[in-house]
Amino acid sequence: MIPQLVTARWRRRDGRYRRLFLPVIPIVLLLSPLLVLAVIGGVIACLMYDLPPFRTLAGVGRLFWALPGARIEVEQGRTDLLLSIR
């Protein structure tokens, strides 16, 4: 399943948490012209470093398909960040 929603939560200076919900599909649609350029750049980089471009694209696709359910937590000093991908 493709990720649908990314939730970012961080602690503000006053101790309260701030939460941001990012829908994936509208963001991808808005950034799709840049996505095409990124894919072209990735294919050129694969050719420069002698990697198979289609297998590399398949690996990146598998990575994105595996993202739903991932939680990334970072806590260092007063910084507290939680990313949840659904």
PDB file of N, CA and C in Angstrom:
ATOM      1  N   MET A   1       0.840  -1.176   0.000  1.00  0.00           N
ATOM      2  CA  MET A   1       0.000   0.000   0.000  1.00  0.00           C
ATOM      3  C   MET A   1       0.887   1.242   0.000  1.00  0.00           C
ATOM      4  N   ILE A   2       0.533   2.213  -0.792  1.00  0.00           N
ATOM      5  CA  ILE A   2       1.269   3.465  -0.872  1.00  0.00           C
ATOM      6  C   ILE A   2       0.982   4.291   0.381  1.00  0.00           C
ATOM      7  N   PRO A   3       1.982   4.979   0.936  1.00  0.00           N
ATOM      8  CA  PRO A   3       1.718   5.839   2.096  1.00  0.00           C
ATOM      9  C   PRO A   3       0.686   6.916   1.753  1.00  0.00           C
ATOM     10  N   GLN A   4      -0.243   7.161   2.655  1.00  0.00           N
ATOM     11  CA  GLN A   4      -1.303   8.138   2.431  1.00  0.00           C
ATOM     12  C   GLN A   4      -1.121   9.406   3.255  1.00  0.00           C
ATOM     13  N   LEU A   5      -0.539   9.276   4.445  1.00  0.00           N
ATOM     14  CA  LEU A   5      -0.471  10.402   5.362  1.00  0.00           C
ATOM     15  C   LEU A   5       0.829  10.339   6.162  1.00  0.00           C
ATOM     16  N   VAL A   6       1.513  11.462   6.252  1.00  0.00           N
ATOM     17  CA  VAL A   6       2.710  11.576   7.093  1.00  0.00           C
ATOM     18  C   VAL A   6       2.363  12.543   8.218  1.00  0.00           C
ATOM     19  N   THR A   7       2.584  12.109   9.445  1.00  0.00           N
ATOM     20  CA  THR A   7       2.321  12.939  10.609  1.00  0.00           C
ATOM     21  C   THR A   7       3.656  13.314  11.241  1.00  0.00           C
ATOM     22  N   ALA A   8       3.887  14.597  11.405  1.00  0.00           N
ATOM     23  CA  ALA A   8       5.103  15.082  12.059  1.00  0.00           C
ATOM     24  C   ALA A   8       4.695  15.767  13.353  1.00  0.00           C
ATOM     25  N   ARG A   9       5.362  15.407  14.452  1.00  0.00           N
ATOM     26  CA  ARG A   9       5.060  16.016  15.744  1.00  0.00           C
ATOM     27  C   ARG A   9       6.368  16.442  16.381  1.00  0.00           C
ATOM     28  N   TRP A  10       6.406  17.663  16.891  1.00  0.00           N
ATOM     29  CA  TRP A  10       7.602  18.153  17.554  1.00  0.00           C
ATOM     30  C   TRP A  10       7.206  18.983  18.753  1.00  0.00           C
ATOM     31  N   ARG A  11       8.151  19.080  19.705  1.00  0.00           N
ATOM     32  CA  ARG A  11       7.898  19.815  20.942  1.00  0.00           C
ATOM     33  C   ARG A  11       8.364  21.252  20.765  1.00  0.00           C
ATOM     34  N   ARG A  12       7.497  22.183  21.117  1.00  0.00           N
ATOM     35  CA  ARG A  12       7.834  23.603  21.030  1.00  0.00           C
ATOM     36  C   ARG A  12       8.623  24.018  22.261  1.00  0.00           C
ATOM     37  N   ARG A  13       9.108  25.251  22.246  1.00  0.00           N
ATOM     38  CA  ARG A  13       9.932  25.736  23.363  1.00  0.00           C
ATOM     39  C   ARG A  13       9.170  25.799  24.677  1.00  0.00           C
ATOM     40  N   ASP A  14       7.853  26.021  24.601  1.00  0.00           N
ATOM     41  CA  ASP A  14       7.073  26.103  25.828  1.00  0.00           C
ATOM     42  C   ASP A  14       6.654  24.730  26.347  1.00  0.00           C
ATOM     43  N   GLY A  15       7.106  23.651  25.705  1.00  0.00           N
ATOM     44  CA  GLY A  15       6.820  22.301  26.181  1.00  0.00           C
ATOM     45  C   GLY A  15       5.619  21.641  25.525  1.00  0.00           C
ATOM     46  N   ARG A  16       4.809  22.420  24.809  1.00  0.00           N
ATOM     47  CA  ARG A  16       3.652  21.838  24.140  1.00  0.00           C
ATOM     48  C   ARG A  16       4.080  21.207  22.823  1.00  0.00           C
ATOM     49  N   TYR A  17       3.289  20.238  22.387  1.00  0.00           N
ATOM     50  CA  TYR A  17       3.589  19.574  21.127  1.00  0.00           C
ATOM     51  C   TYR A  17       2.832  20.227  19.978  1.00  0.00           C
ATOM     52  N   ARG A  18       3.452  20.248  18.841  1.00  0.00           N
ATOM     53  CA  ARG A  18       2.848  20.765  17.613  1.00  0.00           C
ATOM     54  C   ARG A  18       2.764  19.604  16.640  1.00  0.00           C
ATOM     55  N   ARG A  19       1.637  19.431  15.972  1.00  0.00           N
ATOM     56  CA  ARG A  19       1.436  18.316  15.063  1.00  0.00           C
ATOM     57  C   ARG A  19       1.092  18.840  13.675  1.00  0.00           C
ATOM     58  N   LEU A  20       1.647  18.194  12.660  1.00  0.00           N
ATOM     59  CA  LEU A  20       1.422  18.571  11.275  1.00  0.00           C
ATOM     60  C   LEU A  20       1.076  17.320  10.481  1.00  0.00           C
ATOM     61  N   PHE A  21      -0.054  17.356   9.779  1.00  0.00           N
ATOM     62  CA  PHE A  21      -0.479  16.244   8.939  1.00  0.00           C
ATOM     63  C   PHE A  21      -0.206  16.594   7.486  1.00  0.00           C
ATOM     64  N   LEU A  22       0.516  15.735   6.770  1.00  0.00           N
ATOM     65  CA  LEU A  22       0.867  15.970   5.371  1.00  0.00           C
ATOM     66  C   LEU A  22       0.290  14.852   4.509  1.00  0.00           C
ATOM     67  N   PRO A  23      -0.737  15.138   3.693  1.00  0.00           N
ATOM     68  CA  PRO A  23      -1.254  14.117   2.789  1.00  0.00           C
ATOM     69  C   PRO A  23      -0.275  13.897   1.634  1.00  0.00           C
ATOM     70  N   VAL A  24       0.046  12.654   1.363  1.00  0.00           N
ATOM     71  CA  VAL A  24       1.095  12.330   0.396  1.00  0.00           C
ATOM     72  C   VAL A  24       0.653  12.564  -1.044  1.00  0.00           C
ATOM     73  N   ILE A  25      -0.530  12.111  -1.409  1.00  0.00           N
ATOM     74  CA  ILE A  25      -0.984  12.179  -2.808  1.00  0.00           C
ATOM     75  C   ILE A  25      -1.043  13.619  -3.331  1.00  0.00           C
ATOM     76  N   PRO A  26      -1.668  14.584  -2.639  1.00  0.00           N
ATOM     77  CA  PRO A  26      -1.666  15.956  -3.164  1.00  0.00           C
ATOM     78  C   PRO A  26      -0.265  16.564  -3.267  1.00  0.00           C
ATOM     79  N   ILE A  27       0.609  16.237  -2.328  1.00  0.00           N
ATOM     80  CA  ILE A  27       1.970  16.770  -2.388  1.00  0.00           C
ATOM     81  C   ILE A  27       2.713  16.191  -3.590  1.00  0.00           C
ATOM     82  N   VAL A  28       2.530  14.900  -3.838  1.00  0.00           N
ATOM     83  CA  VAL A  28       3.177  14.278  -5.000  1.00  0.00           C
ATOM     84  C   VAL A  28       2.641  14.882  -6.290  1.00  0.00           C
ATOM     85  N   LEU A  29       1.340  15.138  -6.348  1.00  0.00           N
ATOM     86  CA  LEU A  29       0.769  15.746  -7.555  1.00  0.00           C
ATOM     87  C   LEU A  29       1.302  17.162  -7.776  1.00  0.00           C
ATOM     88  N   LEU A  30       1.461  17.923  -6.703  1.00  0.00           N
ATOM     89  CA  LEU A  30       1.996  19.278  -6.838  1.00  0.00           C
ATOM     90  C   LEU A  30       3.470  19.282  -7.244  1.00  0.00           C
ATOM     91  N   LEU A  31       4.212  18.302  -6.745  1.00  0.00           N
ATOM     92  CA  LEU A  31       5.638  18.254  -7.023  1.00  0.00           C
ATOM     93  C   LEU A  31       5.996  17.319  -8.179  1.00  0.00           C
ATOM     94  N   SER A  32       5.003  16.849  -8.928  1.00  0.00           N
ATOM     95  CA  SER A  32       5.266  15.883  -9.998  1.00  0.00           C
ATOM     96  C   SER A  32       6.216  16.404 -11.081  1.00  0.00           C
ATOM     97  N   PRO A  33       6.192  17.693 -11.462  1.00  0.00           N
ATOM     98  CA  PRO A  33       7.210  18.128 -12.431  1.00  0.00           C
ATOM     99  C   PRO A  33       8.635  17.965 -11.888  1.00  0.00           C
ATOM    100  N   LEU A  34       8.827  18.227 -10.605  1.00  0.00           N
ATOM    101  CA  LEU A  34      10.143  18.027 -10.009  1.00  0.00           C
ATOM    102  C   LEU A  34      10.472  16.543  -9.873  1.00  0.00           C
ATOM    103  N   LEU A  35       9.431  15.720  -9.689  1.00  0.00           N
ATOM    104  CA  LEU A  35       9.641  14.283  -9.592  1.00  0.00           C
ATOM    105  C   LEU A  35      10.172  13.717 -10.903  1.00  0.00           C
ATOM    106  N   VAL A  36       9.658  14.221 -12.023  1.00  0.00           N
ATOM    107  CA  VAL A  36      10.149  13.782 -13.334  1.00  0.00           C
ATOM    108  C   VAL A  36      11.624  14.144 -13.482  1.00  0.00           C
ATOM    109  N   LEU A  37      11.993  15.356 -13.081  1.00  0.00           N
ATOM    110  CA  LEU A  37      13.399  15.764 -13.144  1.00  0.00           C
ATOM    111  C   LEU A  37      14.266  14.920 -12.210  1.00  0.00           C
ATOM    112  N   ALA A  38      13.736  14.566 -11.052  1.00  0.00           N
ATOM    113  CA  ALA A  38      14.492  13.735 -10.110  1.00  0.00           C
ATOM    114  C   ALA A  38      14.721  12.338 -10.677  1.00  0.00           C
ATOM    115  N   VAL A  39      13.721  11.781 -11.342  1.00  0.00           N
ATOM    116  CA  VAL A  39      13.878  10.452 -11.947  1.00  0.00           C
ATOM    117  C   VAL A  39      14.912  10.507 -13.062  1.00  0.00           C
ATOM    118  N   ILE A  40      14.850  11.535 -13.887  1.00  0.00           N
ATOM    119  CA  ILE A  40      15.842  11.678 -14.962  1.00  0.00           C
ATOM    120  C   ILE A  40      17.244  11.830 -14.374  1.00  0.00           C
ATOM    121  N   GLY A  41      17.378  12.642 -13.332  1.00  0.00           N
ATOM    122  CA  GLY A  41      18.666  12.794 -12.666  1.00  0.00           C
ATOM    123  C   GLY A  41      19.148  11.487 -12.045  1.00  0.00           C
ATOM    124  N   GLY A  42      18.216  10.716 -11.485  1.00  0.00           N
ATOM    125  CA  GLY A  42      18.579   9.416 -10.914  1.00  0.00           C
ATOM    126  C   GLY A  42      19.065   8.440 -11.966  1.00  0.00           C
ATOM    127  N   VAL A  43      18.409   8.442 -13.129  1.00  0.00           N
ATOM    128  CA  VAL A  43      18.835   7.557 -14.225  1.00  0.00           C
ATOM    129  C   VAL A  43      20.226   7.968 -14.712  1.00  0.00           C
ATOM    130  N   ILE A  44      20.459   9.266 -14.831  1.00  0.00           N
ATOM    131  CA  ILE A  44      21.789   9.740 -15.258  1.00  0.00           C
ATOM    132  C   ILE A  44      22.841   9.356 -14.221  1.00  0.00           C
ATOM    133  N   ALA A  45      22.525   9.482 -12.935  1.00  0.00           N
ATOM    134  CA  ALA A  45      23.475   9.097 -11.887  1.00  0.00           C
ATOM    135  C   ALA A  45      23.747   7.597 -11.925  1.00  0.00           C
ATOM    136  N   CYS A  46      22.700   6.800 -12.179  1.00  0.00           N
ATOM    137  CA  CYS A  46      22.897   5.350 -12.293  1.00  0.00           C
ATOM    138  C   CYS A  46      23.833   5.017 -13.447  1.00  0.00           C
ATOM    139  N   LEU A  47      23.654   5.688 -14.565  1.00  0.00           N
ATOM    140  CA  LEU A  47      24.519   5.434 -15.712  1.00  0.00           C
ATOM    141  C   LEU A  47      25.948   5.886 -15.438  1.00  0.00           C
ATOM    142  N   MET A  48      26.118   6.984 -14.701  1.00  0.00           N
ATOM    143  CA  MET A  48      27.456   7.463 -14.372  1.00  0.00           C
ATOM    144  C   MET A  48      28.200   6.490 -13.451  1.00  0.00           C
ATOM    145  N   TYR A  49      27.472   5.892 -12.500  1.00  0.00           N
ATOM    146  CA  TYR A  49      28.096   4.979 -11.541  1.00  0.00           C
ATOM    147  C   TYR A  49      27.937   3.515 -11.929  1.00  0.00           C
ATOM    148  N   ASP A  50      27.528   3.263 -13.161  1.00  0.00           N
ATOM    149  CA  ASP A  50      27.434   1.912 -13.721  1.00  0.00           C
ATOM    150  C   ASP A  50      26.489   1.014 -12.917  1.00  0.00           C
ATOM    151  N   LEU A  51      25.324   1.544 -12.566  1.00  0.00           N
ATOM    152  CA  LEU A  51      24.271   0.783 -11.900  1.00  0.00           C
ATOM    153  C   LEU A  51      23.135   0.557 -12.883  1.00  0.00           C
ATOM    154  N   PRO A  52      22.410  -0.553 -12.743  1.00  0.00           N
ATOM    155  CA  PRO A  52      21.265  -0.768 -13.630  1.00  0.00           C
ATOM    156  C   PRO A  52      20.105   0.169 -13.243  1.00  0.00           C
ATOM    157  N   PRO A  53      19.689   1.089 -14.126  1.00  0.00           N
ATOM    158  CA  PRO A  53      18.672   2.090 -13.751  1.00  0.00           C
ATOM    159  C   PRO A  53      17.318   1.486 -13.391  1.00  0.00           C
ATOM    160  N   PHE A  54      16.868   0.476 -14.134  1.00  0.00           N
ATOM    161  CA  PHE A  54      15.536  -0.069 -13.858  1.00  0.00           C
ATOM    162  C   PHE A  54      15.499  -0.845 -12.548  1.00  0.00           C
ATOM    163  N   ARG A  55      16.562  -1.556 -12.233  1.00  0.00           N
ATOM    164  CA  ARG A  55      16.603  -2.268 -10.954  1.00  0.00           C
ATOM    165  C   ARG A  55      16.707  -1.289  -9.795  1.00  0.00           C
ATOM    166  N   THR A  56      17.417  -0.192 -10.005  1.00  0.00           N
ATOM    167  CA  THR A  56      17.530   0.831  -8.966  1.00  0.00           C
ATOM    168  C   THR A  56      16.175   1.504  -8.734  1.00  0.00           C
ATOM    169  N   LEU A  57      15.464   1.827  -9.816  1.00  0.00           N
ATOM    170  CA  LEU A  57      14.115   2.394  -9.677  1.00  0.00           C
ATOM    171  C   LEU A  57      13.177   1.411  -8.991  1.00  0.00           C
ATOM    172  N   ALA A  58      13.306   0.128  -9.295  1.00  0.00           N
ATOM    173  CA  ALA A  58      12.472  -0.881  -8.630  1.00  0.00           C
ATOM    174  C   ALA A  58      12.785  -0.930  -7.132  1.00  0.00           C
ATOM    175  N   GLY A  59      14.055  -0.808  -6.765  1.00  0.00           N
ATOM    176  CA  GLY A  59      14.429  -0.804  -5.352  1.00  0.00           C
ATOM    177  C   GLY A  59      13.880   0.405  -4.615  1.00  0.00           C
ATOM    178  N   VAL A  60      13.916   1.568  -5.257  1.00  0.00           N
ATOM    179  CA  VAL A  60      13.352   2.775  -4.647  1.00  0.00           C
ATOM    180  C   VAL A  60      11.837   2.626  -4.501  1.00  0.00           C
ATOM    181  N   GLY A  61      11.198   2.045  -5.509  1.00  0.00           N
ATOM    182  CA  GLY A  61       9.754   1.797  -5.427  1.00  0.00           C
ATOM    183  C   GLY A  61       9.408   0.864  -4.285  1.00  0.00           C
ATOM    184  N   ARG A  62      10.198  -0.189  -4.112  1.00  0.00           N
ATOM    185  CA  ARG A  62       9.956  -1.115  -2.994  1.00  0.00           C
ATOM    186  C   ARG A  62      10.121  -0.414  -1.653  1.00  0.00           C
ATOM    187  N   LEU A  63      11.107   0.483  -1.586  1.00  0.00           N
ATOM    188  CA  LEU A  63      11.313   1.239  -0.348  1.00  0.00           C
ATOM    189  C   LEU A  63      10.081   2.077  -0.011  1.00  0.00           C
ATOM    190  N   PHE A  64       9.517   2.769  -1.000  1.00  0.00           N
ATOM    191  CA  PHE A  64       8.332   3.582  -0.756  1.00  0.00           C
ATOM    192  C   PHE A  64       7.117   2.738  -0.414  1.00  0.00           C
ATOM    193  N   TRP A  65       6.996   1.545  -1.001  1.00  0.00           N
ATOM    194  CA  TRP A  65       5.881   0.662  -0.679  1.00  0.00           C
ATOM    195  C   TRP A  65       5.993   0.109   0.739  1.00  0.00           C
ATOM    196  N   ALA A  66       7.212   0.054   1.284  1.00  0.00           N
ATOM    197  CA  ALA A  66       7.423  -0.484   2.630  1.00  0.00           C
ATOM    198  C   ALA A  66       7.283   0.584   3.712  1.00  0.00           C
ATOM    199  N   LEU A  67       7.112   1.845   3.345  1.00  0.00           N
ATOM    200  CA  LEU A  67       7.071   2.924   4.326  1.00  0.00           C
ATOM    201  C   LEU A  67       5.848   2.949   5.242  1.00  0.00           C
ATOM    202  N   PRO A  68       4.630   2.581   4.790  1.00  0.00           N
ATOM    203  CA  PRO A  68       3.488   2.686   5.703  1.00  0.00           C
ATOM    204  C   PRO A  68       3.715   1.884   6.988  1.00  0.00           C
ATOM    205  N   GLY A  69       3.419   2.520   8.083  1.00  0.00           N
ATOM    206  CA  GLY A  69       3.600   1.901   9.386  1.00  0.00           C
ATOM    207  C   GLY A  69       4.920   2.258  10.045  1.00  0.00           C
ATOM    208  N   ALA A  70       5.777   2.983   9.338  1.00  0.00           N
ATOM    209  CA  ALA A  70       7.075   3.349   9.903  1.00  0.00           C
ATOM    210  C   ALA A  70       6.918   4.505  10.888  1.00  0.00           C
ATOM    211  N   ARG A  71       7.691   4.422  11.960  1.00  0.00           N
ATOM    212  CA  ARG A  71       7.734   5.499  12.962  1.00  0.00           C
ATOM    213  C   ARG A  71       9.187   5.856  13.183  1.00  0.00           C
ATOM    214  N   ILE A  72       9.485   7.123  13.092  1.00  0.00           N
ATOM    215  CA  ILE A  72      10.846   7.611  13.305  1.00  0.00           C
ATOM    216  C   ILE A  72      10.792   8.597  14.464  1.00  0.00           C
ATOM    217  N   GLU A  73      11.505   8.279  15.542  1.00  0.00           N
ATOM    218  CA  GLU A  73      11.518   9.141  16.721  1.00  0.00           C
ATOM    219  C   GLU A  73      12.937   9.624  16.974  1.00  0.00           C
ATOM    220  N   VAL A  74      13.083  10.932  17.169  1.00  0.00           N
ATOM    221  CA  VAL A  74      14.376  11.528  17.482  1.00  0.00           C
ATOM    222  C   VAL A  74      14.195  12.374  18.738  1.00  0.00           C
ATOM    223  N   GLU A  75      14.992  12.102  19.743  1.00  0.00           N
ATOM    224  CA  GLU A  75      14.944  12.892  20.966  1.00  0.00           C
ATOM    225  C   GLU A  75      16.375  13.189  21.387  1.00  0.00           C
ATOM    226  N   GLN A  76      16.721  14.456  21.391  1.00  0.00           N
ATOM    227  CA  GLN A  76      18.065  14.861  21.772  1.00  0.00           C
ATOM    228  C   GLN A  76      17.966  16.193  22.501  1.00  0.00           C
ATOM    229  N   GLY A  77      18.298  16.181  23.753  1.00  0.00           N
ATOM    230  CA  GLY A  77      18.206  17.392  24.559  1.00  0.00           C
ATOM    231  C   GLY A  77      16.767  17.876  24.633  1.00  0.00           C
ATOM    232  N   ARG A  78      16.545  19.124  24.234  1.00  0.00           N
ATOM    233  CA  ARG A  78      15.191  19.677  24.248  1.00  0.00           C
ATOM    234  C   ARG A  78      14.450  19.430  22.948  1.00  0.00           C
ATOM    235  N   THR A  79      15.095  18.788  21.978  1.00  0.00           N
ATOM    236  CA  THR A  79      14.479  18.517  20.684  1.00  0.00           C
ATOM    237  C   THR A  79      13.790  17.157  20.729  1.00  0.00           C
ATOM    238  N   ASP A  80      12.552  17.132  20.298  1.00  0.00           N
ATOM    239  CA  ASP A  80      11.772  15.901  20.272  1.00  0.00           C
ATOM    240  C   ASP A  80      10.973  15.888  18.971  1.00  0.00           C
ATOM    241  N   LEU A  81      11.202  14.890  18.115  1.00  0.00           N
ATOM    242  CA  LEU A  81      10.552  14.813  16.812  1.00  0.00           C
ATOM    243  C   LEU A  81      10.028  13.411  16.600  1.00  0.00           C
ATOM    244  N   LEU A  82       8.798  13.301  16.125  1.00  0.00           N
ATOM    245  CA  LEU A  82       8.189  12.012  15.808  1.00  0.00           C
ATOM    246  C   LEU A  82       7.606  12.091  14.414  1.00  0.00           C
ATOM    247  N   LEU A  83       8.019  11.194  13.510  1.00  0.00           N
ATOM    248  CA  LEU A  83       7.433  11.075  12.176  1.00  0.00           C
ATOM    249  C   LEU A  83       6.714   9.745  12.098  1.00  0.00           C
ATOM    250  N   SER A  84       5.458   9.775  11.719  1.00  0.00           N
ATOM    251  CA  SER A  84       4.661   8.566  11.582  1.00  0.00           C
ATOM    252  C   SER A  84       4.083   8.532  10.182  1.00  0.00           C
ATOM    253  N   ILE A  85       4.320   7.438   9.460  1.00  0.00           N
ATOM    254  CA  ILE A  85       3.860   7.315   8.084  1.00  0.00           C
ATOM    255  C   ILE A  85       2.762   6.256   8.051  1.00  0.00           C
ATOM    256  N   ARG A  86       1.591   6.656   7.559  1.00  0.00           N
ATOM    257  CA  ARG A  86       0.454   5.729   7.495  1.00  0.00           C
ATOM    258  C   ARG A  86       0.032   5.501   6.078  1.00  0.00           C
TER     259      ARG A  86
END
